């Protein structure tokens, strides 16, 4: 009965979506068709994954007591044992298939997305973009608080219609076969998507790459984009960015919060940025290992999950083993380690640098939430300089880089507050 109800729910949502898309934005070609999508990974792929895990060739143990050499052997082996013997990908599929999912072709690529409409009238359309090493799994727990705010302490007028696409080359979206799919192109594609769904006014949100794409959309300012919210803003001033790039002590005159932000970024650039250096310069070379070894992929991703969650260095204190493995397994089964890394090659700007990100050129209202476990905590002084259109800034007391994943209710509350003044 439960599966039948899910099926009926998706069929009804599909019909409503297609009706709205047809009446709101003319569908004149097969390229513009919005098609229902259902995840169904073949058993053979899952069996192959388990086999590869079972024959893992492990390296020696680290020679330090901390994680300065990378993910500790004991932690990864514990996660992998569960991956092989306890984890069930089919439960992840069920979570995805319980939501209305669709596919549509934009600029030659099939784009996968989740689209959940609120039961409340006049809900604000919202498109949310995930990051790396995340995926649409980051957003699943936040969808109900966003679409059904009265259940979580909000009001009916706080509701959102939520669209969560998989970026090109990530998850179930098609992998680009040519260059050019950087943040600007993705941002333009998201505007096409929202209007294809019948939305003529909407807002955009993102962290990590999602923030970079939201910034790009803010610069493009397509008709109907009311504003953006980011939880990894590009606020670093030019004079600070110069020192971070060239090395040296923190510039004189920084406030305590500005100095703390400098120190966090300096640590990333000097001790934690090797992952990005490889993807920016050699995504294909890196991809051979990540595409052939599931444990290699897990180690690469877990390294950043440990570092970027608000967990004191152990991602399993912020996310469950199942949640971590849902994301890693998605990349493995869709073979998107290389195509995901290629986005770094496409856009090798410093995504924290306000000048390189051209934040001053953003033409729509900007909202920012700073989470304490983020890669760096953007000071309000820098944010005000970087984003002339800043209309909302708030610092919260929990959550990290994967804000919607770690603290979905807090994340949803922040979006309600951030976009409140922009509602029509």
Protein backbone atom coordinates (compact mmCIF):
# COMPACT_ATOMS: atom_id res chain seq x y z
CA UNK A 1 0.00 0.00 0.00
CA UNK A 2 2.84 2.37 0.86
CA UNK A 3 4.49 1.87 -2.54
CA UNK A 4 1.13 2.34 -4.26
CA UNK A 5 0.62 5.64 -2.43
CA UNK A 6 4.09 6.80 -3.46
CA UNK A 7 3.35 5.84 -7.04
CA UNK A 8 0.05 7.75 -7.01
CA UNK A 9 1.72 10.74 -5.39
CA UNK A 10 4.33 10.90 -8.12
CA UNK A 11 1.76 10.43 -10.87
CA UNK A 12 -0.38 13.28 -9.52
CA UNK A 13 2.67 15.52 -9.08
CA UNK A 14 3.80 14.70 -12.61
CA UNK A 15 0.44 15.66 -14.04
CA UNK A 16 0.38 18.93 -12.12
CA UNK A 17 3.95 19.75 -13.14
CA UNK A 18 3.33 19.05 -16.81
CA UNK A 19 0.15 21.13 -16.74
CA UNK A 20 1.95 24.03 -15.10
CA UNK A 21 4.89 23.77 -17.47
CA UNK A 22 2.58 23.70 -20.49
CA UNK A 23 0.51 26.68 -19.41
CA UNK A 24 3.35 28.72 -17.92
CA UNK A 25 6.11 28.22 -20.48
CA UNK A 26 5.25 26.92 -23.92
CA UNK A 27 6.62 23.46 -24.65
CA UNK A 28 7.07 23.44 -28.38
CA UNK A 29 9.75 20.83 -28.93
CA UNK A 30 10.82 17.47 -27.59
CA UNK A 31 13.91 19.23 -26.19
CA UNK A 32 11.64 21.02 -23.72
CA UNK A 33 9.73 17.98 -22.49
CA UNK A 34 9.70 17.37 -18.75
CA UNK A 35 9.75 13.60 -18.18
CA UNK A 36 9.13 11.66 -14.96
CA UNK A 37 12.22 9.88 -13.67
CA UNK A 38 12.56 6.79 -11.47
CA UNK A 39 15.87 5.55 -10.04
CA UNK A 40 16.50 1.87 -10.74
CA UNK A 41 20.15 0.79 -10.56
CA UNK A 42 20.76 -2.70 -11.94
CA UNK A 43 21.52 -5.49 -9.46
CA UNK A 44 24.72 -6.26 -11.36
CA UNK A 45 26.10 -2.80 -10.56
CA UNK A 46 25.43 -3.19 -6.86
CA UNK A 47 27.01 -6.66 -6.85
CA UNK A 48 30.06 -5.32 -8.67
CA UNK A 49 30.43 -2.63 -6.01
CA UNK A 50 30.34 -5.22 -3.21
CA UNK A 51 32.90 -7.37 -5.03
CA UNK A 52 35.29 -4.46 -5.49
CA UNK A 53 34.97 -3.55 -1.82
CA UNK A 54 35.71 -7.14 -0.80
CA UNK A 55 39.05 -7.20 -2.65
CA UNK A 56 40.31 -3.82 -1.43
CA UNK A 57 44.06 -3.55 -1.12
CA UNK A 58 44.58 -1.46 1.99
CA UNK A 59 47.53 0.88 2.60
CA UNK A 60 49.59 0.90 5.77
CA UNK A 61 48.32 2.79 8.80
CA UNK A 62 49.09 6.47 9.13
CA UNK A 63 52.20 7.36 11.16
CA UNK A 64 50.56 10.18 13.13
CA UNK A 65 47.85 10.28 15.77
CA UNK A 66 45.74 12.94 14.06
CA UNK A 67 44.30 13.37 10.55
CA UNK A 68 47.15 15.52 9.22
CA UNK A 69 48.05 12.71 6.76
CA UNK A 70 44.41 12.19 5.74
CA UNK A 71 41.57 9.88 6.69
CA UNK A 72 42.64 7.46 9.42
CA UNK A 73 42.74 3.81 8.42
CA UNK A 74 40.57 2.62 11.31
CA UNK A 75 37.77 5.07 10.52
CA UNK A 76 37.67 4.22 6.84
CA UNK A 77 37.82 0.48 7.45
CA UNK A 78 34.88 0.74 9.83
CA UNK A 79 32.82 2.66 7.27
CA UNK A 80 33.76 0.25 4.48
CA UNK A 81 32.87 -2.82 6.54
CA UNK A 82 29.41 -1.35 7.00
CA UNK A 83 29.26 -0.46 3.28
CA UNK A 84 29.90 -4.10 2.41
CA UNK A 85 27.80 -5.84 5.05
CA UNK A 86 25.15 -3.45 6.40
CA UNK A 87 24.43 -0.67 3.94
CA UNK A 88 21.44 -1.01 1.59
CA UNK A 89 21.44 1.15 -1.56
CA UNK A 90 17.82 0.17 -2.25
CA UNK A 91 16.72 2.21 0.77
CA UNK A 92 18.41 5.24 -0.78
CA UNK A 93 16.59 4.60 -4.03
CA UNK A 94 13.30 4.41 -2.12
CA UNK A 95 13.94 7.80 -0.52
CA UNK A 96 14.56 9.35 -3.91
CA UNK A 97 11.65 7.59 -5.61
CA UNK A 98 9.27 8.73 -2.86
CA UNK A 99 9.78 12.25 -4.23
CA UNK A 100 8.65 13.61 -7.62
CA UNK A 101 11.73 13.34 -9.87
CA UNK A 102 12.05 14.47 -13.46
CA UNK A 103 14.42 14.77 -16.38
CA UNK A 104 14.52 17.49 -19.01
CA UNK A 105 17.02 18.40 -21.71
CA UNK A 106 18.65 21.83 -21.51
CA UNK A 107 21.26 22.95 -24.01
CA UNK A 108 21.81 19.36 -25.13
CA UNK A 109 22.12 17.74 -21.69
CA UNK A 110 19.56 15.73 -19.74
CA UNK A 111 19.14 17.38 -16.35
CA UNK A 112 17.76 15.42 -13.40
CA UNK A 113 15.80 17.27 -10.73
CA UNK A 114 13.48 16.83 -7.79
CA UNK A 115 10.41 19.08 -7.76
CA UNK A 116 8.17 19.25 -4.69
CA UNK A 117 5.26 21.68 -4.61
CA UNK A 118 3.97 23.00 -1.31
CA UNK A 119 0.37 22.40 -0.29
CA UNK A 120 0.22 26.06 0.73
CA UNK A 121 -0.98 28.74 -1.67
CA UNK A 122 1.42 31.32 -3.07
CA UNK A 123 4.51 29.31 -2.11
CA UNK A 124 7.73 30.96 -3.25
CA UNK A 125 9.55 28.99 -5.99
CA UNK A 126 13.08 28.10 -4.87
CA UNK A 127 15.88 26.38 -6.76
CA UNK A 128 18.65 24.88 -4.59
CA UNK A 129 22.02 23.79 -5.96
CA UNK A 130 24.21 21.23 -4.18
CA UNK A 131 27.99 21.23 -4.13
CA UNK A 132 30.96 18.84 -4.19
CA UNK A 133 31.35 16.24 -2.76
CA UNK A 134 27.63 16.51 -2.18
CA UNK A 135 24.58 15.76 -4.27
CA UNK A 136 20.80 16.03 -4.13
CA UNK A 137 21.02 13.80 -1.05
CA UNK A 138 22.22 16.91 0.82
CA UNK A 139 18.80 18.50 0.42
CA UNK A 140 16.36 15.66 1.10
CA UNK A 141 15.85 16.35 4.82
CA UNK A 142 15.28 20.06 4.16
CA UNK A 143 12.53 19.63 1.56
CA UNK A 144 9.68 19.03 4.02
CA UNK A 145 10.62 21.93 6.35
CA UNK A 146 10.73 24.20 3.29
CA UNK A 147 7.50 23.04 1.65
CA UNK A 148 5.57 22.36 4.86
CA UNK A 149 6.66 25.13 7.26
CA UNK A 150 3.63 24.93 9.58
CA UNK A 151 4.91 21.53 10.74
CA UNK A 152 8.22 23.10 11.82
CA UNK A 153 7.22 26.32 13.54
CA UNK A 154 6.81 28.44 10.42
CA UNK A 155 3.73 29.96 8.85
CA UNK A 156 1.85 28.99 5.71
CA UNK A 157 3.06 32.17 4.02
CA UNK A 158 6.66 30.98 4.58
CA UNK A 159 6.25 28.02 2.21
CA UNK A 160 8.42 27.25 -0.80
CA UNK A 161 7.99 25.16 -3.92
CA UNK A 162 11.36 23.40 -4.07
CA UNK A 163 13.39 22.45 -7.15
CA UNK A 164 16.63 20.52 -6.54
CA UNK A 165 18.59 19.74 -9.72
CA UNK A 166 21.65 17.54 -10.04
CA UNK A 167 24.42 19.61 -11.57
CA UNK A 168 25.59 18.49 -15.04
CA UNK A 169 27.97 15.57 -14.57
CA UNK A 170 26.71 14.86 -11.06
CA UNK A 171 24.40 12.03 -10.05
CA UNK A 172 21.70 11.31 -12.60
CA UNK A 173 22.22 14.40 -14.76
CA UNK A 174 24.00 13.76 -18.03
CA UNK A 175 27.77 14.12 -18.12
CA UNK A 176 29.06 16.87 -20.44
CA UNK A 177 31.02 15.49 -23.39
CA UNK A 178 32.60 18.86 -24.22
CA UNK A 179 33.99 21.79 -22.26
CA UNK A 180 31.99 24.85 -21.31
CA UNK A 181 29.70 23.69 -18.51
CA UNK A 182 30.94 26.06 -15.83
CA UNK A 183 28.97 28.04 -13.22
CA UNK A 184 27.77 30.70 -15.67
CA UNK A 185 26.29 28.14 -18.05
CA UNK A 186 24.75 26.14 -15.23
CA UNK A 187 23.20 29.30 -13.79
CA UNK A 188 21.67 30.15 -17.16
CA UNK A 189 20.35 26.59 -17.45
CA UNK A 190 18.67 26.88 -14.05
CA UNK A 191 16.74 29.93 -15.25
CA UNK A 192 15.56 27.92 -18.27
CA UNK A 193 14.52 25.12 -15.92
CA UNK A 194 12.52 27.35 -13.60
CA UNK A 195 10.68 29.02 -16.45
CA UNK A 196 10.06 25.69 -18.11
CA UNK A 197 8.31 24.67 -14.90
CA UNK A 198 6.07 27.72 -15.16
CA UNK A 199 7.83 29.89 -12.58
CA UNK A 200 8.20 33.52 -13.65
CA UNK A 201 9.44 34.71 -10.24
CA UNK A 202 11.76 32.66 -8.04
CA UNK A 203 14.78 32.70 -5.71
CA UNK A 204 18.01 30.70 -5.80
CA UNK A 205 20.12 29.18 -3.02
CA UNK A 206 23.36 27.28 -2.70
CA UNK A 207 26.44 26.35 -0.73
CA UNK A 208 29.81 25.25 -2.12
CA UNK A 209 29.38 25.12 -5.93
CA UNK A 210 25.75 26.01 -5.32
CA UNK A 211 26.90 29.35 -3.89
CA UNK A 212 29.16 29.97 -6.89
CA UNK A 213 26.24 29.22 -9.22
CA UNK A 214 23.85 31.39 -7.21
CA UNK A 215 26.37 34.25 -7.46
CA UNK A 216 26.56 33.70 -11.23
CA UNK A 217 22.77 33.86 -11.45
CA UNK A 218 22.84 37.07 -9.43
CA UNK A 219 25.26 38.62 -11.93
CA UNK A 220 23.16 37.43 -14.85
CA UNK A 221 20.00 38.71 -13.11
CA UNK A 222 17.53 36.99 -15.46
CA UNK A 223 14.04 38.41 -15.45
CA UNK A 224 12.10 36.92 -12.55
CA UNK A 225 15.06 36.14 -10.26
CA UNK A 226 14.07 37.93 -7.05
CA UNK A 227 17.21 37.24 -5.00
CA UNK A 228 19.81 34.72 -3.86
CA UNK A 229 20.92 33.16 -0.58
CA UNK A 230 24.36 31.61 -0.08
CA UNK A 231 25.92 29.79 2.82
CA UNK A 232 29.47 29.87 1.44
CA UNK A 233 29.86 33.49 0.35
CA UNK A 234 32.80 34.98 -1.54
CA UNK A 235 33.74 37.83 0.78
CA UNK A 236 37.55 37.87 0.97
CA UNK A 237 38.82 41.39 0.09
CA UNK A 238 41.53 41.85 -2.52
CA UNK A 239 44.26 42.84 -0.03
CA UNK A 240 43.60 39.78 2.12
CA UNK A 241 43.34 37.46 -0.88
CA UNK A 242 46.75 38.69 -2.05
CA UNK A 243 48.42 37.68 1.22
CA UNK A 244 46.66 34.32 1.23
CA UNK A 245 47.93 33.65 -2.28
CA UNK A 246 51.50 34.83 -1.76
CA UNK A 247 51.91 33.67 1.84
CA UNK A 248 52.71 35.58 4.98
CA UNK A 249 51.20 36.77 8.21
CA UNK A 250 47.70 38.16 8.49
CA UNK A 251 47.46 41.78 7.33
CA UNK A 252 47.52 44.40 10.06
CA UNK A 253 44.29 45.95 11.22
CA UNK A 254 42.02 42.93 10.96
CA UNK A 255 39.27 42.57 13.55
CA UNK A 256 39.17 39.33 15.61
CA UNK A 257 36.52 37.82 13.29
CA UNK A 258 38.45 38.89 10.20
CA UNK A 259 41.67 37.41 11.57
CA UNK A 260 39.89 34.14 12.39
CA UNK A 261 38.56 34.00 8.82
CA UNK A 262 42.08 34.62 7.50
CA UNK A 263 43.53 31.83 9.64
CA UNK A 264 40.86 29.33 8.52
CA UNK A 265 41.49 30.08 4.86
CA UNK A 266 45.25 30.06 5.32
CA UNK A 267 44.97 26.58 6.81
CA UNK A 268 42.91 25.45 3.82
CA UNK A 269 45.38 26.87 1.30
CA UNK A 270 48.51 25.56 3.00
CA UNK A 271 47.36 22.20 4.41
CA UNK A 272 43.93 21.26 3.08
CA UNK A 273 43.67 22.30 -0.55
CA UNK A 274 45.39 19.39 -2.30
CA UNK A 275 42.06 17.89 -3.35
CA UNK A 276 41.18 21.05 -5.28
CA UNK A 277 44.64 21.38 -6.79
CA UNK A 278 44.27 17.94 -8.36
CA UNK A 279 40.76 18.60 -9.69
CA UNK A 280 41.64 22.05 -11.04
CA UNK A 281 44.69 20.77 -12.92
CA UNK A 282 44.31 17.01 -13.51
CA UNK A 283 40.70 15.81 -13.07
CA UNK A 284 41.15 13.03 -15.62
CA UNK A 285 44.27 11.63 -13.96
CA UNK A 286 42.60 11.73 -10.55
CA UNK A 287 39.48 10.13 -11.97
CA UNK A 288 41.13 6.87 -12.97
CA UNK A 289 41.63 5.94 -9.34
CA UNK A 290 38.29 7.29 -8.13
CA UNK A 291 36.41 5.48 -10.91
CA UNK A 292 38.17 2.14 -10.37
CA UNK A 293 38.29 1.93 -6.58
CA UNK A 294 35.18 2.50 -4.45
CA UNK A 295 37.32 2.69 -1.32
CA UNK A 296 39.56 5.26 -2.98
CA UNK A 297 36.46 7.32 -3.77
CA UNK A 298 35.17 6.93 -0.21
CA UNK A 299 38.49 8.07 1.27
CA UNK A 300 38.65 11.12 -1.01
CA UNK A 301 35.14 12.20 -0.05
CA UNK A 302 35.31 11.29 3.64
CA UNK A 303 38.43 13.43 4.02
CA UNK A 304 36.41 16.55 3.20
CA UNK A 305 33.28 15.43 5.06
CA UNK A 306 35.37 15.03 8.22
CA UNK A 307 36.92 18.44 7.74
CA UNK A 308 33.85 20.40 6.68
CA UNK A 309 31.09 19.11 8.95
CA UNK A 310 30.49 20.72 12.34
CA UNK A 311 31.76 17.58 13.98
CA UNK A 312 35.22 18.12 15.38
CA UNK A 313 36.77 16.08 12.57
CA UNK A 314 34.46 13.05 12.51
CA UNK A 315 31.67 13.33 9.95
CA UNK A 316 29.78 10.48 11.62
CA UNK A 317 28.96 12.84 14.50
CA UNK A 318 27.00 15.05 12.08
CA UNK A 319 25.78 12.52 9.52
CA UNK A 320 24.89 8.85 9.80
CA UNK A 321 26.91 6.16 8.05
CA UNK A 322 23.93 5.64 5.73
CA UNK A 323 23.81 9.32 4.79
CA UNK A 324 27.53 9.43 4.06
CA UNK A 325 27.34 6.26 1.98
CA UNK A 326 24.20 7.35 0.10
CA UNK A 327 26.24 10.20 -1.34
CA UNK A 328 29.41 8.21 -2.04
CA UNK A 329 27.45 5.32 -3.57
CA UNK A 330 25.56 7.71 -5.84
CA UNK A 331 28.84 8.96 -7.31
CA UNK A 332 30.07 5.38 -7.67
CA UNK A 333 26.97 3.93 -9.35
CA UNK A 334 26.61 6.88 -11.74
CA UNK A 335 30.37 6.98 -12.46
CA UNK A 336 30.53 10.73 -11.95
CA UNK A 337 33.83 11.13 -10.09
CA UNK A 338 35.59 12.52 -13.18
CA UNK A 339 32.71 14.63 -14.50
CA UNK A 340 32.20 16.06 -11.01
CA UNK A 341 35.88 16.96 -10.75
CA UNK A 342 35.86 18.57 -14.19
CA UNK A 343 33.79 21.45 -12.82
CA UNK A 344 36.91 22.51 -10.90
CA UNK A 345 38.87 22.47 -14.14
CA UNK A 346 36.17 24.54 -15.86
CA UNK A 347 36.22 27.18 -13.13
CA UNK A 348 39.57 27.59 -11.42
CA UNK A 349 38.75 30.93 -9.78
CA UNK A 350 39.24 31.34 -6.06
CA UNK A 351 35.64 30.89 -4.95
CA UNK A 352 36.19 32.80 -1.69
CA UNK A 353 37.69 35.87 -3.40
CA UNK A 354 35.14 38.68 -3.81
CA UNK A 355 37.01 40.23 -6.75
CA UNK A 356 37.44 36.98 -8.70
CA UNK A 357 33.79 36.08 -8.06
CA UNK A 358 32.69 39.57 -9.16
CA UNK A 359 30.28 39.85 -6.27
CA UNK A 360 30.05 43.61 -6.78
CA UNK A 361 28.34 42.92 -10.12
CA UNK A 362 25.44 41.02 -8.54
CA UNK A 363 22.27 42.90 -9.40
CA UNK A 364 19.70 41.19 -7.17
CA UNK A 365 19.26 41.17 -3.37
CA UNK A 366 21.69 38.85 -1.54
CA UNK A 367 21.20 36.97 1.73
CA UNK A 368 23.95 35.18 3.68
CA UNK A 369 23.92 32.71 6.55
CA UNK A 370 27.21 31.85 8.24
CA UNK A 371 27.43 28.36 9.79
CA UNK A 372 30.15 27.74 12.40
CA UNK A 373 31.52 24.61 10.72
CA UNK A 374 31.90 26.26 7.31
CA UNK A 375 35.35 26.30 5.68
CA UNK A 376 35.64 29.86 6.91
CA UNK A 377 33.22 32.06 8.83
CA UNK A 378 32.63 35.11 6.65
CA UNK A 379 32.73 38.30 8.76
CA UNK A 380 29.85 40.72 8.29
CA UNK A 381 32.35 43.52 7.57
CA UNK A 382 33.69 41.60 4.57
CA UNK A 383 30.22 40.55 3.43
CA UNK A 384 28.99 44.13 3.36
CA UNK A 385 31.99 45.18 1.25
CA UNK A 386 31.69 42.22 -1.11
CA UNK A 387 27.93 42.24 -1.72
CA UNK A 388 26.54 45.77 -2.25
CA UNK A 389 23.02 44.28 -2.53
CA UNK A 390 23.23 42.48 0.84
CA UNK A 391 19.81 42.50 2.53
CA UNK A 392 20.21 39.73 5.12
CA UNK A 393 23.15 38.44 7.17
CA UNK A 394 23.01 36.05 10.09
CA UNK A 395 25.43 33.89 12.06
CA UNK A 396 24.01 30.68 13.53
CA UNK A 397 25.40 28.44 16.25
CA UNK A 398 25.47 24.98 14.67
CA UNK A 399 25.94 23.30 11.30
CA UNK A 400 28.76 23.21 8.81
CA UNK A 401 29.55 23.26 5.12
CA UNK A 402 26.75 20.79 4.38
CA UNK A 403 24.19 23.00 6.13
CA UNK A 404 20.97 21.57 4.70
CA UNK A 405 22.21 18.04 5.37
CA UNK A 406 23.48 18.62 8.90
CA UNK A 407 20.83 21.04 10.20
CA UNK A 408 17.83 20.89 7.83
CA UNK A 409 15.34 22.66 10.10
CA UNK A 410 17.73 25.49 10.96
CA UNK A 411 18.65 25.79 7.29
CA UNK A 412 14.97 26.02 6.32
CA UNK A 413 14.31 28.63 9.01
CA UNK A 414 17.18 30.71 7.66
CA UNK A 415 15.78 30.60 4.13
CA UNK A 416 12.35 31.65 5.40
CA UNK A 417 13.90 34.65 7.16
CA UNK A 418 16.29 35.49 4.35
CA UNK A 419 13.65 35.64 1.61
CA UNK A 420 10.76 37.02 3.65
CA UNK A 421 11.14 40.56 2.33
CA UNK A 422 11.23 39.34 -1.29
CA UNK A 423 7.91 37.53 -1.33
CA UNK A 424 5.37 38.88 -3.81
